[in-house]
């Protein structure tokens, strides 16, 4: 069972990372083709903010060796969520404070769309993988 749990944790983490990277890259390329490099960079940065925050949270919940003990799992989940929020707020705050072009309406919209698409892609991928891994654990066929 420990081998399955370890494999499942790694599958969830790396599946989340791949989904967010892929969605951020695809959206950024589409924006570059349609609207130009400046907006494409904003789209890529929005997805990257989500990716960085979820990398922290996913590591805390799924990969950190000290958080595998049952008595530490709840605390790890709370630290992961709090850390994700702090990272997102800090990166958005720094972006708007230090990059004047990011305050233009079109850049703001594209930045948040990139962020939101990466978020959604991650949620969908984790739900899909969790369902698949749950079926494997229970021995059910899909």
N, C-alpha and C. Protein backbone atom coordinates (compact mmCIF):
# COMPACT_ATOMS: atom_id res chain seq x y z
N UNK A 1 0.83 -1.19 0.00
CA UNK A 1 0.00 0.00 0.00
C UNK A 1 0.87 1.26 0.00
N UNK A 2 2.01 1.20 0.69
CA UNK A 2 2.87 2.38 0.76
C UNK A 2 3.41 2.73 -0.63
N UNK A 3 3.72 1.71 -1.43
CA UNK A 3 4.22 1.99 -2.77
C UNK A 3 3.16 2.64 -3.63
N UNK A 4 1.91 2.19 -3.51
CA UNK A 4 0.82 2.81 -4.27
C UNK A 4 0.61 4.25 -3.82
N UNK A 5 0.62 4.49 -2.51
CA UNK A 5 0.43 5.85 -2.00
C UNK A 5 1.53 6.78 -2.48
N UNK A 6 2.76 6.31 -2.45
CA UNK A 6 3.89 7.13 -2.92
C UNK A 6 3.73 7.44 -4.41
N UNK A 7 3.39 6.44 -5.18
CA UNK A 7 3.20 6.63 -6.62
C UNK A 7 2.02 7.56 -6.89
N UNK A 8 0.95 7.41 -6.13
CA UNK A 8 -0.22 8.26 -6.31
C UNK A 8 0.11 9.71 -5.98
N UNK A 9 0.86 9.94 -4.92
CA UNK A 9 1.24 11.31 -4.55
C UNK A 9 2.07 11.96 -5.66
N UNK A 10 3.04 11.22 -6.17
CA UNK A 10 3.89 11.76 -7.25
C UNK A 10 3.08 11.99 -8.52
N UNK A 11 2.17 11.08 -8.82
CA UNK A 11 1.32 11.23 -10.00
C UNK A 11 0.47 12.48 -9.90
N UNK A 12 -0.12 12.72 -8.74
CA UNK A 12 -0.95 13.91 -8.56
C UNK A 12 -0.12 15.18 -8.69
N UNK A 13 1.04 15.22 -8.03
CA UNK A 13 1.87 16.43 -8.07
C UNK A 13 2.34 16.73 -9.50
N UNK A 14 2.95 15.75 -10.14
CA UNK A 14 3.50 16.00 -11.48
C UNK A 14 2.41 16.16 -12.53
N UNK A 15 1.27 15.53 -12.34
CA UNK A 15 0.14 15.76 -13.24
C UNK A 15 -0.36 17.19 -13.14
N UNK A 16 -0.44 17.71 -11.92
CA UNK A 16 -0.84 19.10 -11.70
C UNK A 16 0.15 20.05 -12.37
N UNK A 17 1.44 19.81 -12.17
CA UNK A 17 2.46 20.69 -12.74
C UNK A 17 2.41 20.67 -14.27
N UNK A 18 2.30 19.48 -14.85
CA UNK A 18 2.23 19.38 -16.32
C UNK A 18 1.01 20.09 -16.88
N UNK A 19 -0.12 19.92 -16.25
CA UNK A 19 -1.35 20.56 -16.74
C UNK A 19 -1.24 22.08 -16.68
N UNK A 20 -0.69 22.60 -15.60
CA UNK A 20 -0.56 24.05 -15.48
C UNK A 20 0.48 24.62 -16.43
N UNK A 21 1.59 23.94 -16.58
CA UNK A 21 2.61 24.41 -17.53
C UNK A 21 2.06 24.40 -18.94
N UNK A 22 1.42 23.33 -19.32
CA UNK A 22 0.89 23.21 -20.67
C UNK A 22 -0.18 24.26 -20.95
N UNK A 23 -1.10 24.47 -20.01
CA UNK A 23 -2.15 25.46 -20.24
C UNK A 23 -1.57 26.88 -20.31
N UNK A 24 -0.60 27.18 -19.45
CA UNK A 24 0.03 28.51 -19.48
C UNK A 24 0.76 28.73 -20.80
N UNK A 25 1.48 27.72 -21.27
CA UNK A 25 2.22 27.87 -22.52
C UNK A 25 1.29 28.03 -23.72
N UNK A 26 0.26 27.21 -23.78
CA UNK A 26 -0.67 27.28 -24.91
C UNK A 26 -1.37 28.64 -24.93
N UNK A 27 -1.85 29.10 -23.79
CA UNK A 27 -2.53 30.39 -23.74
C UNK A 27 -1.57 31.52 -24.10
N UNK A 28 -0.35 31.47 -23.59
CA UNK A 28 0.63 32.52 -23.88
C UNK A 28 0.95 32.57 -25.38
N UNK A 29 1.12 31.42 -25.99
CA UNK A 29 1.41 31.39 -27.43
C UNK A 29 0.23 31.94 -28.22
N UNK A 30 -0.98 31.57 -27.86
CA UNK A 30 -2.16 32.10 -28.54
C UNK A 30 -2.25 33.62 -28.40
N UNK A 31 -1.96 34.12 -27.22
CA UNK A 31 -2.02 35.57 -27.00
C UNK A 31 -0.92 36.27 -27.80
N UNK A 32 0.26 35.70 -27.86
CA UNK A 32 1.34 36.30 -28.66
C UNK A 32 0.93 36.38 -30.12
N UNK A 33 0.36 35.31 -30.64
CA UNK A 33 -0.04 35.29 -32.05
C UNK A 33 -1.15 36.30 -32.31
N UNK A 34 -2.10 36.40 -31.39
CA UNK A 34 -3.26 37.27 -31.60
C UNK A 34 -2.96 38.73 -31.23
N UNK A 35 -2.28 38.96 -30.10
CA UNK A 35 -2.20 40.33 -29.57
C UNK A 35 -0.79 40.87 -29.39
N UNK A 36 0.23 40.05 -29.52
CA UNK A 36 1.59 40.57 -29.40
C UNK A 36 2.34 40.04 -28.20
N UNK A 37 3.64 40.32 -28.20
CA UNK A 37 4.55 39.75 -27.21
C UNK A 37 4.30 40.29 -25.80
N UNK A 38 3.98 41.56 -25.67
CA UNK A 38 3.77 42.14 -24.34
C UNK A 38 2.60 41.47 -23.62
N UNK A 39 1.51 41.29 -24.31
CA UNK A 39 0.36 40.61 -23.70
C UNK A 39 0.64 39.12 -23.52
N UNK A 40 1.40 38.52 -24.42
CA UNK A 40 1.77 37.11 -24.27
C UNK A 40 2.60 36.88 -23.02
N UNK A 41 3.47 37.83 -22.73
CA UNK A 41 4.26 37.73 -21.50
C UNK A 41 3.36 37.85 -20.27
N UNK A 42 2.38 38.73 -20.33
CA UNK A 42 1.43 38.85 -19.22
C UNK A 42 0.65 37.54 -19.03
N UNK A 43 0.25 36.92 -20.13
CA UNK A 43 -0.47 35.64 -20.06
C UNK A 43 0.41 34.56 -19.45
N UNK A 44 1.65 34.50 -19.89
CA UNK A 44 2.58 33.50 -19.35
C UNK A 44 2.84 33.74 -17.86
N UNK A 45 2.99 35.00 -17.47
CA UNK A 45 3.25 35.31 -16.07
C UNK A 45 2.04 34.96 -15.20
N UNK A 46 0.83 35.18 -15.69
CA UNK A 46 -0.36 34.81 -14.93
C UNK A 46 -0.39 33.32 -14.65
N UNK A 47 -0.11 32.52 -15.67
CA UNK A 47 -0.05 31.07 -15.47
C UNK A 47 1.08 30.65 -14.56
N UNK A 48 2.19 31.37 -14.63
CA UNK A 48 3.34 31.05 -13.79
C UNK A 48 3.06 31.35 -12.33
N UNK A 49 2.32 32.40 -12.06
CA UNK A 49 1.94 32.70 -10.67
C UNK A 49 1.17 31.52 -10.08
N UNK A 50 0.21 31.00 -10.84
CA UNK A 50 -0.55 29.85 -10.38
C UNK A 50 0.36 28.64 -10.20
N UNK A 51 1.24 28.43 -11.15
CA UNK A 51 2.16 27.28 -11.10
C UNK A 51 3.05 27.34 -9.87
N UNK A 52 3.62 28.49 -9.58
CA UNK A 52 4.51 28.62 -8.41
C UNK A 52 3.74 28.35 -7.12
N UNK A 53 2.57 28.93 -7.00
CA UNK A 53 1.78 28.74 -5.79
C UNK A 53 1.37 27.28 -5.62
N UNK A 54 0.94 26.66 -6.69
CA UNK A 54 0.52 25.26 -6.59
C UNK A 54 1.69 24.31 -6.44
N UNK A 55 2.86 24.68 -6.91
CA UNK A 55 4.05 23.86 -6.67
C UNK A 55 4.34 23.81 -5.17
N UNK A 56 4.23 24.98 -4.52
CA UNK A 56 4.42 25.02 -3.06
C UNK A 56 3.38 24.15 -2.36
N UNK A 57 2.11 24.37 -2.69
CA UNK A 57 1.04 23.63 -2.03
C UNK A 57 1.12 22.14 -2.30
N UNK A 58 1.36 21.77 -3.53
CA UNK A 58 1.46 20.35 -3.88
C UNK A 58 2.63 19.67 -3.19
N UNK A 59 3.76 20.37 -3.12
CA UNK A 59 4.91 19.79 -2.42
C UNK A 59 4.57 19.55 -0.96
N UNK A 60 3.95 20.52 -0.31
CA UNK A 60 3.60 20.39 1.10
C UNK A 60 2.65 19.22 1.35
N UNK A 61 1.68 19.06 0.48
CA UNK A 61 0.66 18.04 0.69
C UNK A 61 1.10 16.66 0.21
N UNK A 62 1.75 16.60 -0.96
CA UNK A 62 2.00 15.30 -1.58
C UNK A 62 3.44 14.80 -1.50
N UNK A 63 4.42 15.69 -1.44
CA UNK A 63 5.80 15.22 -1.56
C UNK A 63 6.67 15.42 -0.32
N UNK A 64 6.35 16.34 0.55
CA UNK A 64 7.19 16.61 1.72
C UNK A 64 7.23 15.38 2.61
N UNK A 65 8.42 14.83 2.85
CA UNK A 65 8.50 13.57 3.62
C UNK A 65 8.00 13.69 5.06
N UNK A 66 8.13 14.86 5.66
CA UNK A 66 7.67 15.02 7.04
C UNK A 66 6.17 15.12 7.19
N UNK A 67 5.46 15.34 6.09
CA UNK A 67 4.02 15.53 6.17
C UNK A 67 3.22 14.27 5.84
N UNK A 68 3.87 13.14 5.78
CA UNK A 68 3.17 11.89 5.44
C UNK A 68 2.55 11.23 6.66
N UNK A 69 3.01 11.60 7.84
CA UNK A 69 2.43 11.02 9.06
C UNK A 69 1.00 11.52 9.20
N UNK A 70 0.08 10.63 9.56
CA UNK A 70 -1.33 11.02 9.66
C UNK A 70 -1.58 12.22 10.57
N UNK A 71 -0.83 12.34 11.65
CA UNK A 71 -1.06 13.45 12.57
C UNK A 71 -0.57 14.79 12.01
N UNK A 72 0.20 14.77 10.94
CA UNK A 72 0.71 16.01 10.33
C UNK A 72 -0.03 16.41 9.07
N UNK A 73 -0.88 15.54 8.54
CA UNK A 73 -1.53 15.80 7.25
C UNK A 73 -2.44 17.03 7.29
N UNK A 74 -3.22 17.18 8.33
CA UNK A 74 -4.14 18.32 8.41
C UNK A 74 -3.36 19.62 8.49
N UNK A 75 -2.33 19.66 9.31
CA UNK A 75 -1.50 20.86 9.41
C UNK A 75 -0.80 21.17 8.10
N UNK A 76 -0.36 20.13 7.41
CA UNK A 76 0.30 20.33 6.11
C UNK A 76 -0.67 20.92 5.10
N UNK A 77 -1.90 20.46 5.11
CA UNK A 77 -2.89 20.98 4.18
C UNK A 77 -3.19 22.45 4.47
N UNK A 78 -3.27 22.81 5.75
CA UNK A 78 -3.51 24.21 6.10
C UNK A 78 -2.32 25.09 5.73
N UNK A 79 -1.09 24.60 5.98
CA UNK A 79 0.09 25.36 5.59
C UNK A 79 0.17 25.51 4.08
N UNK A 80 -0.21 24.47 3.37
CA UNK A 80 -0.17 24.52 1.90
C UNK A 80 -1.14 25.57 1.38
N UNK A 81 -2.34 25.59 1.89
CA UNK A 81 -3.34 26.56 1.43
C UNK A 81 -2.94 27.98 1.80
N UNK A 82 -2.49 28.17 3.03
CA UNK A 82 -2.06 29.50 3.46
C UNK A 82 -0.87 29.97 2.63
N UNK A 83 0.07 29.08 2.39
CA UNK A 83 1.23 29.43 1.58
C UNK A 83 0.86 29.79 0.16
N UNK A 84 -0.08 29.04 -0.43
CA UNK A 84 -0.53 29.35 -1.79
C UNK A 84 -1.12 30.74 -1.86
N UNK A 85 -1.96 31.08 -0.91
CA UNK A 85 -2.60 32.41 -0.91
C UNK A 85 -1.55 33.50 -0.76
N UNK A 86 -0.62 33.33 0.17
CA UNK A 86 0.42 34.33 0.39
C UNK A 86 1.29 34.49 -0.86
N UNK A 87 1.67 33.38 -1.47
CA UNK A 87 2.50 33.44 -2.68
C UNK A 87 1.76 34.16 -3.80
N UNK A 88 0.50 33.82 -4.02
CA UNK A 88 -0.28 34.47 -5.07
C UNK A 88 -0.40 35.96 -4.82
N UNK A 89 -0.77 36.34 -3.61
CA UNK A 89 -0.93 37.76 -3.29
C UNK A 89 0.40 38.51 -3.44
N UNK A 90 1.47 37.91 -2.99
CA UNK A 90 2.78 38.56 -3.09
C UNK A 90 3.19 38.74 -4.55
N UNK A 91 3.01 37.71 -5.36
CA UNK A 91 3.42 37.81 -6.76
C UNK A 91 2.53 38.78 -7.55
N UNK A 92 1.23 38.77 -7.30
CA UNK A 92 0.36 39.76 -7.95
C UNK A 92 0.71 41.17 -7.47
N UNK A 93 0.92 41.33 -6.18
CA UNK A 93 1.27 42.64 -5.64
C UNK A 93 2.57 43.16 -6.22
N UNK A 94 3.60 42.32 -6.27
CA UNK A 94 4.87 42.73 -6.86
C UNK A 94 4.73 43.06 -8.34
N UNK A 95 3.94 42.28 -9.04
CA UNK A 95 3.74 42.53 -10.47
C UNK A 95 3.12 43.89 -10.69
N UNK A 96 2.06 44.19 -9.97
CA UNK A 96 1.38 45.47 -10.17
C UNK A 96 2.21 46.65 -9.64
N UNK A 97 3.02 46.40 -8.62
CA UNK A 97 3.82 47.48 -8.04
C UNK A 97 5.07 47.79 -8.86
N UNK A 98 5.68 46.77 -9.44
CA UNK A 98 6.98 46.96 -10.09
C UNK A 98 6.94 46.99 -11.61
N UNK A 99 5.82 46.57 -12.22
CA UNK A 99 5.73 46.55 -13.69
C UNK A 99 4.60 47.49 -14.10
N UNK A 100 4.93 48.73 -14.46
CA UNK A 100 3.89 49.70 -14.80
C UNK A 100 2.95 49.25 -15.92
N UNK A 101 3.47 48.55 -16.91
CA UNK A 101 2.62 48.10 -18.02
C UNK A 101 1.55 47.12 -17.56
N UNK A 102 1.81 46.43 -16.45
CA UNK A 102 0.84 45.44 -15.96
C UNK A 102 -0.41 46.08 -15.39
N UNK A 103 -0.41 47.38 -15.22
CA UNK A 103 -1.58 48.07 -14.68
C UNK A 103 -2.57 48.49 -15.76
N UNK A 104 -2.20 48.32 -17.03
CA UNK A 104 -3.13 48.62 -18.12
C UNK A 104 -4.22 47.56 -18.14
N UNK A 105 -5.42 47.97 -18.50
CA UNK A 105 -6.57 47.06 -18.44
C UNK A 105 -6.37 45.79 -19.26
N UNK A 106 -5.85 45.90 -20.46
CA UNK A 106 -5.67 44.70 -21.29
C UNK A 106 -4.67 43.75 -20.66
N UNK A 107 -3.60 44.28 -20.07
CA UNK A 107 -2.62 43.43 -19.41
C UNK A 107 -3.22 42.75 -18.18
N UNK A 108 -4.01 43.50 -17.43
CA UNK A 108 -4.65 42.93 -16.23
C UNK A 108 -5.57 41.78 -16.62
N UNK A 109 -6.38 41.99 -17.65
CA UNK A 109 -7.32 40.96 -18.09
C UNK A 109 -6.58 39.71 -18.55
N UNK A 110 -5.54 39.89 -19.36
CA UNK A 110 -4.78 38.74 -19.87
C UNK A 110 -4.03 38.04 -18.74
N UNK A 111 -3.47 38.82 -17.82
CA UNK A 111 -2.76 38.25 -16.67
C UNK A 111 -3.70 37.35 -15.86
N UNK A 112 -4.88 37.87 -15.55
CA UNK A 112 -5.83 37.08 -14.76
C UNK A 112 -6.41 35.91 -15.54
N UNK A 113 -6.59 36.06 -16.85
CA UNK A 113 -7.04 34.93 -17.66
C UNK A 113 -5.99 33.81 -17.67
N UNK A 114 -4.73 34.18 -17.82
CA UNK A 114 -3.66 33.18 -17.76
C UNK A 114 -3.64 32.47 -16.43
N UNK A 115 -3.80 33.24 -15.37
CA UNK A 115 -3.84 32.67 -14.02
C UNK A 115 -5.03 31.73 -13.88
N UNK A 116 -6.20 32.19 -14.28
CA UNK A 116 -7.42 31.40 -14.14
C UNK A 116 -7.39 30.12 -14.97
N UNK A 117 -6.90 30.21 -16.20
CA UNK A 117 -6.82 29.01 -17.03
C UNK A 117 -5.87 27.97 -16.44
N UNK A 118 -4.75 28.42 -15.90
CA UNK A 118 -3.83 27.48 -15.25
C UNK A 118 -4.48 26.85 -14.02
N UNK A 119 -5.21 27.66 -13.26
CA UNK A 119 -5.92 27.14 -12.09
C UNK A 119 -6.91 26.04 -12.50
N UNK A 120 -7.73 26.36 -13.48
CA UNK A 120 -8.77 25.42 -13.92
C UNK A 120 -8.15 24.15 -14.48
N UNK A 121 -7.10 24.29 -15.28
CA UNK A 121 -6.43 23.11 -15.83
C UNK A 121 -5.89 22.23 -14.71
N UNK A 122 -5.33 22.85 -13.67
CA UNK A 122 -4.83 22.08 -12.53
C UNK A 122 -5.94 21.37 -11.78
N UNK A 123 -7.04 22.07 -11.54
CA UNK A 123 -8.17 21.45 -10.83
C UNK A 123 -8.72 20.25 -11.60
N UNK A 124 -8.90 20.44 -12.90
CA UNK A 124 -9.45 19.36 -13.73
C UNK A 124 -8.50 18.16 -13.74
N UNK A 125 -7.22 18.42 -13.90
CA UNK A 125 -6.25 17.32 -13.94
C UNK A 125 -6.18 16.57 -12.62
N UNK A 126 -6.16 17.28 -11.52
CA UNK A 126 -6.11 16.62 -10.21
C UNK A 126 -7.38 15.80 -9.97
N UNK A 127 -8.54 16.34 -10.32
CA UNK A 127 -9.79 15.59 -10.16
C UNK A 127 -9.78 14.34 -11.03
N UNK A 128 -9.29 14.47 -12.26
CA UNK A 128 -9.23 13.33 -13.17
C UNK A 128 -8.27 12.26 -12.63
N UNK A 129 -7.09 12.68 -12.20
CA UNK A 129 -6.11 11.73 -11.68
C UNK A 129 -6.58 11.11 -10.37
N UNK A 130 -7.20 11.90 -9.51
CA UNK A 130 -7.70 11.38 -8.25
C UNK A 130 -8.76 10.32 -8.48
N UNK A 131 -9.64 10.58 -9.45
CA UNK A 131 -10.67 9.59 -9.78
C UNK A 131 -10.03 8.31 -10.31
N UNK A 132 -9.05 8.46 -11.20
CA UNK A 132 -8.40 7.29 -11.78
C UNK A 132 -7.64 6.51 -10.71
N UNK A 133 -6.91 7.21 -9.85
CA UNK A 133 -6.15 6.53 -8.81
C UNK A 133 -7.07 5.87 -7.79
N UNK A 134 -8.20 6.50 -7.51
CA UNK A 134 -9.17 5.89 -6.60
C UNK A 134 -9.73 4.60 -7.16
N UNK A 135 -9.97 4.58 -8.47
CA UNK A 135 -10.47 3.37 -9.11
C UNK A 135 -9.41 2.27 -9.08
N UNK A 136 -8.14 2.64 -9.27
CA UNK A 136 -7.07 1.65 -9.21
C UNK A 136 -6.94 1.07 -7.81
N UNK A 137 -7.09 1.95 -6.80
CA UNK A 137 -6.95 1.50 -5.42
C UNK A 137 -8.07 0.52 -5.06
N UNK A 138 -9.28 0.81 -5.55
CA UNK A 138 -10.43 -0.03 -5.24
C UNK A 138 -10.50 -1.26 -6.13
N UNK A 139 -9.66 -1.32 -7.16
CA UNK A 139 -9.65 -2.46 -8.06
C UNK A 139 -10.76 -2.43 -9.08
N UNK A 140 -11.37 -1.28 -9.29
CA UNK A 140 -12.45 -1.16 -10.26
C UNK A 140 -11.87 -0.84 -11.63
N UNK A 141 -12.57 -1.26 -12.65
CA UNK A 141 -12.18 -0.94 -14.02
C UNK A 141 -12.99 0.23 -14.51
N UNK A 142 -12.34 1.16 -15.24
CA UNK A 142 -13.05 2.30 -15.84
C UNK A 142 -13.41 1.99 -17.27
